[in-house]
């Protein structure tokens, strides 16, 4: 966790030592400041795309393919 310019960032690895251990797949940062756009989408061109995928990893849901497992829909 660190604080930068008044924003709070918290790093999370949703499945511990298990793979893939990649930023945006099972490692993410939460931040306390609203940004425009979806931070977990295959079609987003948002600068922070990928850092908000832990929600889907924890629920084992694919953000772009309902009914599909999160870890089976990684790019």
PDB file of N, CA and C in Angstrom:
ATOM      1  N   UNK A   1       0.854  -1.165   0.000  1.00  0.00           N
ATOM      2  CA  UNK A   1       0.000   0.000   0.000  1.00  0.00           C
ATOM      3  C   UNK A   1       0.896   1.222   0.000  1.00  0.00           C
ATOM      4  N   UNK A   2       0.502   2.247  -0.775  1.00  0.00           N
ATOM      5  CA  UNK A   2       1.183   3.531  -0.684  1.00  0.00           C
ATOM      6  C   UNK A   2       0.207   4.656  -0.994  1.00  0.00           C
ATOM      7  N   UNK A   3       0.582   5.841  -0.588  1.00  0.00           N
ATOM      8  CA  UNK A   3      -0.254   7.016  -0.817  1.00  0.00           C
ATOM      9  C   UNK A   3       0.511   7.952  -1.732  1.00  0.00           C
ATOM     10  N   UNK A   4      -0.132   8.413  -2.799  1.00  0.00           N
ATOM     11  CA  UNK A   4       0.499   9.268  -3.785  1.00  0.00           C
ATOM     12  C   UNK A   4      -0.454  10.399  -4.139  1.00  0.00           C
ATOM     13  N   UNK A   5      -0.037  11.630  -3.906  1.00  0.00           N
ATOM     14  CA  UNK A   5      -0.834  12.807  -4.237  1.00  0.00           C
ATOM     15  C   UNK A   5      -2.249  12.724  -3.691  1.00  0.00           C
ATOM     16  N   UNK A   6      -2.382  12.250  -2.465  1.00  0.00           N
ATOM     17  CA  UNK A   6      -3.691  12.199  -1.829  1.00  0.00           C
ATOM     18  C   UNK A   6      -4.536  11.009  -2.210  1.00  0.00           C
ATOM     19  N   UNK A   7      -4.010  10.118  -3.032  1.00  0.00           N
ATOM     20  CA  UNK A   7      -4.747   8.919  -3.420  1.00  0.00           C
ATOM     21  C   UNK A   7      -4.174   7.724  -2.674  1.00  0.00           C
ATOM     22  N   UNK A   8      -5.035   6.810  -2.294  1.00  0.00           N
ATOM     23  CA  UNK A   8      -4.632   5.605  -1.588  1.00  0.00           C
ATOM     24  C   UNK A   8      -4.627   4.434  -2.558  1.00  0.00           C
ATOM     25  N   UNK A   9      -3.512   3.735  -2.669  1.00  0.00           N
ATOM     26  CA  UNK A   9      -3.377   2.572  -3.544  1.00  0.00           C
ATOM     27  C   UNK A   9      -3.136   1.335  -2.691  1.00  0.00           C
ATOM     28  N   UNK A  10      -3.852   0.253  -2.953  1.00  0.00           N
ATOM     29  CA  UNK A  10      -3.682  -0.998  -2.227  1.00  0.00           C
ATOM     30  C   UNK A  10      -3.458  -2.108  -3.246  1.00  0.00           C
ATOM     31  N   UNK A  11      -2.350  -2.842  -3.124  1.00  0.00           N
ATOM     32  CA  UNK A  11      -2.046  -3.944  -4.035  1.00  0.00           C
ATOM     33  C   UNK A  11      -2.635  -5.248  -3.528  1.00  0.00           C
ATOM     34  N   UNK A  12      -3.198  -6.048  -4.448  1.00  0.00           N
ATOM     35  CA  UNK A  12      -3.858  -7.302  -4.084  1.00  0.00           C
ATOM     36  C   UNK A  12      -3.450  -8.397  -5.068  1.00  0.00           C
ATOM     37  N   UNK A  13      -3.048  -9.559  -4.545  1.00  0.00           N
ATOM     38  CA  UNK A  13      -2.864 -10.758  -5.370  1.00  0.00           C
ATOM     39  C   UNK A  13      -3.993 -11.701  -4.972  1.00  0.00           C
ATOM     40  N   UNK A  14      -4.981 -11.850  -5.831  1.00  0.00           N
ATOM     41  CA  UNK A  14      -6.232 -12.517  -5.459  1.00  0.00           C
ATOM     42  C   UNK A  14      -6.109 -14.002  -5.181  1.00  0.00           C
ATOM     43  N   UNK A  15      -5.070 -14.654  -5.691  1.00  0.00           N
ATOM     44  CA  UNK A  15      -4.961 -16.095  -5.455  1.00  0.00           C
ATOM     45  C   UNK A  15      -3.601 -16.497  -4.893  1.00  0.00           C
ATOM     46  N   UNK A  16      -2.944 -15.584  -4.200  1.00  0.00           N
ATOM     47  CA  UNK A  16      -1.686 -15.897  -3.523  1.00  0.00           C
ATOM     48  C   UNK A  16      -0.583 -16.318  -4.473  1.00  0.00           C
ATOM     49  N   UNK A  17       0.114 -17.404  -4.144  1.00  0.00           N
ATOM     50  CA  UNK A  17       1.258 -17.853  -4.944  1.00  0.00           C
ATOM     51  C   UNK A  17       0.869 -18.577  -6.224  1.00  0.00           C
ATOM     52  N   UNK A  18      -0.413 -18.859  -6.411  1.00  0.00           N
ATOM     53  CA  UNK A  18      -0.843 -19.546  -7.634  1.00  0.00           C
ATOM     54  C   UNK A  18      -0.626 -18.653  -8.841  1.00  0.00           C
ATOM     55  N   UNK A  19      -0.436 -19.284  -9.985  1.00  0.00           N
ATOM     56  CA  UNK A  19      -0.257 -18.545 -11.233  1.00  0.00           C
ATOM     57  C   UNK A  19      -1.567 -17.914 -11.679  1.00  0.00           C
ATOM     58  N   UNK A  20      -1.595 -16.925 -12.528  1.00  0.00           N
ATOM     59  CA  UNK A  20      -0.521 -16.466 -13.384  1.00  0.00           C
ATOM     60  C   UNK A  20       0.386 -15.409 -12.749  1.00  0.00           C
ATOM     61  N   UNK A  21       0.012 -14.830 -11.605  1.00  0.00           N
ATOM     62  CA  UNK A  21       0.818 -13.801 -10.948  1.00  0.00           C
ATOM     63  C   UNK A  21       1.217 -12.692 -11.920  1.00  0.00           C
ATOM     64  N   UNK A  22       0.234 -12.155 -12.615  1.00  0.00           N
ATOM     65  CA  UNK A  22       0.456 -11.077 -13.563  1.00  0.00           C
ATOM     66  C   UNK A  22      -0.452  -9.909 -13.237  1.00  0.00           C
ATOM     67  N   UNK A  23       0.127  -8.735 -13.326  1.00  0.00           N
ATOM     68  CA  UNK A  23      -0.625  -7.518 -13.092  1.00  0.00           C
ATOM     69  C   UNK A  23      -1.793  -7.445 -14.065  1.00  0.00           C
ATOM     70  N   UNK A  24      -2.979  -7.213 -13.550  1.00  0.00           N
ATOM     71  CA  UNK A  24      -4.174  -7.126 -14.380  1.00  0.00           C
ATOM     72  C   UNK A  24      -4.888  -8.451 -14.542  1.00  0.00           C
ATOM     73  N   UNK A  25      -4.254  -9.543 -14.136  1.00  0.00           N
ATOM     74  CA  UNK A  25      -4.912 -10.849 -14.206  1.00  0.00           C
ATOM     75  C   UNK A  25      -5.332 -11.276 -12.813  1.00  0.00           C
ATOM     76  N   UNK A  26      -4.359 -11.424 -11.920  1.00  0.00           N
ATOM     77  CA  UNK A  26      -4.707 -11.769 -10.545  1.00  0.00           C
ATOM     78  C   UNK A  26      -4.016 -10.851  -9.543  1.00  0.00           C
ATOM     79  N   UNK A  27      -3.262  -9.882 -10.030  1.00  0.00           N
ATOM     80  CA  UNK A  27      -2.664  -8.856  -9.178  1.00  0.00           C
ATOM     81  C   UNK A  27      -3.258  -7.531  -9.620  1.00  0.00           C
ATOM     82  N   UNK A  28      -3.699  -6.758  -8.674  1.00  0.00           N
ATOM     83  CA  UNK A  28      -4.311  -5.477  -9.032  1.00  0.00           C
ATOM     84  C   UNK A  28      -4.043  -4.443  -7.967  1.00  0.00           C
ATOM     85  N   UNK A  29      -4.307  -3.215  -8.291  1.00  0.00           N
ATOM     86  CA  UNK A  29      -4.250  -2.122  -7.341  1.00  0.00           C
ATOM     87  C   UNK A  29      -5.619  -1.482  -7.270  1.00  0.00           C
ATOM     88  N   UNK A  30      -6.071  -1.271  -6.065  1.00  0.00           N
ATOM     89  CA  UNK A  30      -7.298  -0.517  -5.829  1.00  0.00           C
ATOM     90  C   UNK A  30      -6.882   0.908  -5.509  1.00  0.00           C
ATOM     91  N   UNK A  31      -7.618   1.865  -5.985  1.00  0.00           N
ATOM     92  CA  UNK A  31      -7.319   3.243  -5.647  1.00  0.00           C
ATOM     93  C   UNK A  31      -8.603   3.955  -5.303  1.00  0.00           C
ATOM     94  N   UNK A  32      -8.476   4.912  -4.424  1.00  0.00           N
ATOM     95  CA  UNK A  32      -9.653   5.607  -3.926  1.00  0.00           C
ATOM     96  C   UNK A  32      -9.787   6.958  -4.619  1.00  0.00           C
ATOM     97  N   UNK A  33     -10.098   6.933  -5.866  1.00  0.00           N
ATOM     98  CA  UNK A  33     -10.420   8.131  -6.630  1.00  0.00           C
ATOM     99  C   UNK A  33     -11.100   7.659  -7.898  1.00  0.00           C
ATOM    100  N   UNK A  34     -12.252   8.211  -8.200  1.00  0.00           N
ATOM    101  CA  UNK A  34     -13.001   7.743  -9.365  1.00  0.00           C
ATOM    102  C   UNK A  34     -12.294   8.118 -10.660  1.00  0.00           C
ATOM    103  N   UNK A  35     -12.322   7.205 -11.588  1.00  0.00           N
ATOM    104  CA  UNK A  35     -11.778   7.413 -12.933  1.00  0.00           C
ATOM    105  C   UNK A  35     -12.879   7.054 -13.930  1.00  0.00           C
ATOM    106  N   UNK A  36     -12.790   7.617 -15.098  1.00  0.00           N
ATOM    107  CA  UNK A  36     -13.774   7.297 -16.131  1.00  0.00           C
ATOM    108  C   UNK A  36     -13.421   5.978 -16.785  1.00  0.00           C
ATOM    109  N   UNK A  37     -14.447   5.204 -17.117  1.00  0.00           N
ATOM    110  CA  UNK A  37     -14.237   3.964 -17.847  1.00  0.00           C
ATOM    111  C   UNK A  37     -14.226   2.734 -16.969  1.00  0.00           C
ATOM    112  N   UNK A  38     -14.180   1.584 -17.622  1.00  0.00           N
ATOM    113  CA  UNK A  38     -14.151   0.295 -16.943  1.00  0.00           C
ATOM    114  C   UNK A  38     -12.701  -0.156 -16.809  1.00  0.00           C
ATOM    115  N   UNK A  39     -12.194  -0.382 -15.579  1.00  0.00           N
ATOM    116  CA  UNK A  39     -10.794  -0.765 -15.422  1.00  0.00           C
ATOM    117  C   UNK A  39     -10.522  -2.253 -15.639  1.00  0.00           C
ATOM    118  N   UNK A  40     -11.469  -2.971 -16.258  1.00  0.00           N
ATOM    119  CA  UNK A  40     -11.244  -4.391 -16.575  1.00  0.00           C
ATOM    120  C   UNK A  40     -12.090  -4.771 -17.785  1.00  0.00           C
ATOM    121  N   UNK A  41     -11.555  -4.524 -18.977  1.00  0.00           N
ATOM    122  CA  UNK A  41     -12.303  -4.802 -20.194  1.00  0.00           C
ATOM    123  C   UNK A  41     -11.344  -5.086 -21.346  1.00  0.00           C
ATOM    124  N   UNK A  42     -11.670  -6.087 -22.158  1.00  0.00           N
ATOM    125  CA  UNK A  42     -10.852  -6.394 -23.332  1.00  0.00           C
ATOM    126  C   UNK A  42     -10.927  -5.294 -24.380  1.00  0.00           C
ATOM    127  N   UNK A  43     -11.990  -4.499 -24.350  1.00  0.00           N
ATOM    128  CA  UNK A  43     -12.192  -3.482 -25.379  1.00  0.00           C
ATOM    129  C   UNK A  43     -11.867  -2.069 -24.917  1.00  0.00           C
ATOM    130  N   UNK A  44     -11.498  -1.892 -23.663  1.00  0.00           N
ATOM    131  CA  UNK A  44     -11.226  -0.553 -23.136  1.00  0.00           C
ATOM    132  C   UNK A  44      -9.853  -0.062 -23.569  1.00  0.00           C
ATOM    133  N   UNK A  45      -9.763   1.229 -23.849  1.00  0.00           N
ATOM    134  CA  UNK A  45      -8.466   1.838 -24.116  1.00  0.00           C
ATOM    135  C   UNK A  45      -8.065   2.760 -22.972  1.00  0.00           C
ATOM    136  N   UNK A  46      -8.735   2.597 -21.833  1.00  0.00           N
ATOM    137  CA  UNK A  46      -8.430   3.373 -20.644  1.00  0.00           C
ATOM    138  C   UNK A  46      -6.997   3.080 -20.201  1.00  0.00           C
ATOM    139  N   UNK A  47      -6.281   4.102 -19.795  1.00  0.00           N
ATOM    140  CA  UNK A  47      -4.888   3.949 -19.384  1.00  0.00           C
ATOM    141  C   UNK A  47      -4.728   2.929 -18.259  1.00  0.00           C
ATOM    142  N   UNK A  48      -5.666   2.883 -17.328  1.00  0.00           N
ATOM    143  CA  UNK A  48      -5.573   1.985 -16.172  1.00  0.00           C
ATOM    144  C   UNK A  48      -6.275   0.650 -16.408  1.00  0.00           C
ATOM    145  N   UNK A  49      -6.611   0.333 -17.647  1.00  0.00           N
ATOM    146  CA  UNK A  49      -7.314  -0.921 -17.928  1.00  0.00           C
ATOM    147  C   UNK A  49      -6.506  -2.113 -17.426  1.00  0.00           C
ATOM    148  N   UNK A  50      -7.176  -3.014 -16.724  1.00  0.00           N
ATOM    149  CA  UNK A  50      -6.531  -4.210 -16.199  1.00  0.00           C
ATOM    150  C   UNK A  50      -6.307  -4.176 -14.702  1.00  0.00           C
ATOM    151  N   UNK A  51      -6.256  -2.978 -14.116  1.00  0.00           N
ATOM    152  CA  UNK A  51      -5.967  -2.929 -12.683  1.00  0.00           C
ATOM    153  C   UNK A  51      -7.194  -3.173 -11.827  1.00  0.00           C
ATOM    154  N   UNK A  52      -8.361  -3.250 -12.420  1.00  0.00           N
ATOM    155  CA  UNK A  52      -9.575  -3.468 -11.643  1.00  0.00           C
ATOM    156  C   UNK A  52     -10.175  -4.847 -11.816  1.00  0.00           C
ATOM    157  N   UNK A  53      -9.380  -5.808 -12.229  1.00  0.00           N
ATOM    158  CA  UNK A  53      -9.918  -7.139 -12.525  1.00  0.00           C
ATOM    159  C   UNK A  53     -10.055  -8.044 -11.308  1.00  0.00           C
ATOM    160  N   UNK A  54      -9.544  -7.659 -10.158  1.00  0.00           N
ATOM    161  CA  UNK A  54      -9.611  -8.533  -8.977  1.00  0.00           C
ATOM    162  C   UNK A  54     -11.049  -8.849  -8.592  1.00  0.00           C
ATOM    163  N   UNK A  55     -11.957  -7.908  -8.800  1.00  0.00           N
ATOM    164  CA  UNK A  55     -13.374  -8.153  -8.503  1.00  0.00           C
ATOM    165  C   UNK A  55     -13.848  -9.400  -9.240  1.00  0.00           C
ATOM    166  N   UNK A  56     -13.502  -9.487 -10.519  1.00  0.00           N
ATOM    167  CA  UNK A  56     -13.918 -10.623 -11.341  1.00  0.00           C
ATOM    168  C   UNK A  56     -13.143 -11.890 -10.965  1.00  0.00           C
ATOM    169  N   UNK A  57     -11.857 -11.755 -10.644  1.00  0.00           N
ATOM    170  CA  UNK A  57     -11.056 -12.915 -10.243  1.00  0.00           C
ATOM    171  C   UNK A  57     -11.599 -13.530  -8.962  1.00  0.00           C
ATOM    172  N   UNK A  58     -11.947 -12.696  -7.995  1.00  0.00           N
ATOM    173  CA  UNK A  58     -12.478 -13.200  -6.727  1.00  0.00           C
ATOM    174  C   UNK A  58     -13.813 -13.907  -6.909  1.00  0.00           C
ATOM    175  N   UNK A  59     -14.612 -13.461  -7.867  1.00  0.00           N
ATOM    176  CA  UNK A  59     -15.919 -14.068  -8.133  1.00  0.00           C
ATOM    177  C   UNK A  59     -15.827 -15.162  -9.200  1.00  0.00           C
ATOM    178  N   UNK A  60     -14.640 -15.335  -9.779  1.00  0.00           N
ATOM    179  CA  UNK A  60     -14.397 -16.286 -10.866  1.00  0.00           C
ATOM    180  C   UNK A  60     -15.388 -16.081 -12.009  1.00  0.00           C
ATOM    181  N   UNK A  61     -15.530 -14.819 -12.413  1.00  0.00           N
ATOM    182  CA  UNK A  61     -16.411 -14.435 -13.523  1.00  0.00           C
ATOM    183  C   UNK A  61     -15.597 -13.721 -14.593  1.00  0.00           C
ATOM    184  N   UNK A  62     -15.835 -14.038 -15.826  1.00  0.00           N
ATOM    185  CA  UNK A  62     -15.193 -13.350 -16.938  1.00  0.00           C
ATOM    186  C   UNK A  62     -15.904 -12.014 -17.169  1.00  0.00           C
ATOM    187  N   UNK A  63     -15.176 -10.887 -17.189  1.00  0.00           N
ATOM    188  CA  UNK A  63     -15.830  -9.594 -17.360  1.00  0.00           C
ATOM    189  C   UNK A  63     -16.472  -9.393 -18.729  1.00  0.00           C
ATOM    190  N   UNK A  64     -15.990 -10.092 -19.754  1.00  0.00           N
ATOM    191  CA  UNK A  64     -16.503  -9.899 -21.104  1.00  0.00           C
ATOM    192  C   UNK A  64     -17.316 -11.068 -21.641  1.00  0.00           C
ATOM    193  N   UNK A  65     -17.354 -12.186 -20.913  1.00  0.00           N
ATOM    194  CA  UNK A  65     -18.103 -13.368 -21.358  1.00  0.00           C
ATOM    195  C   UNK A  65     -18.871 -13.968 -20.187  1.00  0.00           C
ATOM    196  N   UNK A  66     -20.103 -13.518 -19.955  1.00  0.00           N
ATOM    197  CA  UNK A  66     -20.894 -14.050 -18.843  1.00  0.00           C
ATOM    198  C   UNK A  66     -20.987 -15.575 -18.897  1.00  0.00           C
ATOM    199  N   UNK A  67     -20.874 -16.210 -17.741  1.00  0.00           N
ATOM    200  CA  UNK A  67     -20.957 -17.655 -17.659  1.00  0.00           C
ATOM    201  C   UNK A  67     -19.620 -18.359 -17.817  1.00  0.00           C
ATOM    202  N   UNK A  68     -18.580 -17.623 -18.171  1.00  0.00           N
ATOM    203  CA  UNK A  68     -17.261 -18.201 -18.366  1.00  0.00           C
ATOM    204  C   UNK A  68     -16.391 -17.915 -17.140  1.00  0.00           C
ATOM    205  N   UNK A  69     -15.518 -18.843 -16.780  1.00  0.00           N
ATOM    206  CA  UNK A  69     -14.615 -18.681 -15.645  1.00  0.00           C
ATOM    207  C   UNK A  69     -13.589 -17.580 -15.928  1.00  0.00           C
ATOM    208  N   UNK A  70     -13.256 -16.804 -14.909  1.00  0.00           N
ATOM    209  CA  UNK A  70     -12.303 -15.700 -15.068  1.00  0.00           C
ATOM    210  C   UNK A  70     -10.958 -16.173 -15.620  1.00  0.00           C
ATOM    211  N   UNK A  71     -10.395 -17.212 -14.995  1.00  0.00           N
ATOM    212  CA  UNK A  71      -9.061 -17.647 -15.394  1.00  0.00           C
ATOM    213  C   UNK A  71      -9.050 -18.383 -16.733  1.00  0.00           C
ATOM    214  N   UNK A  72     -10.210 -18.705 -17.266  1.00  0.00           N
ATOM    215  CA  UNK A  72     -10.296 -19.300 -18.600  1.00  0.00           C
ATOM    216  C   UNK A  72     -10.549 -18.266 -19.685  1.00  0.00           C
ATOM    217  N   UNK A  73     -10.673 -17.002 -19.311  1.00  0.00           N
ATOM    218  CA  UNK A  73     -10.933 -15.975 -20.326  1.00  0.00           C
ATOM    219  C   UNK A  73      -9.833 -14.918 -20.371  1.00  0.00           C
ATOM    220  N   UNK A  74      -8.695 -15.188 -19.744  1.00  0.00           N
ATOM    221  CA  UNK A  74      -7.599 -14.217 -19.772  1.00  0.00           C
ATOM    222  C   UNK A  74      -7.047 -14.085 -21.185  1.00  0.00           C
ATOM    223  N   UNK A  75      -6.672 -12.857 -21.566  1.00  0.00           N
ATOM    224  CA  UNK A  75      -6.119 -12.662 -22.917  1.00  0.00           C
ATOM    225  C   UNK A  75      -4.750 -13.300 -23.072  1.00  0.00           C
TER     226      UNK A  75
END
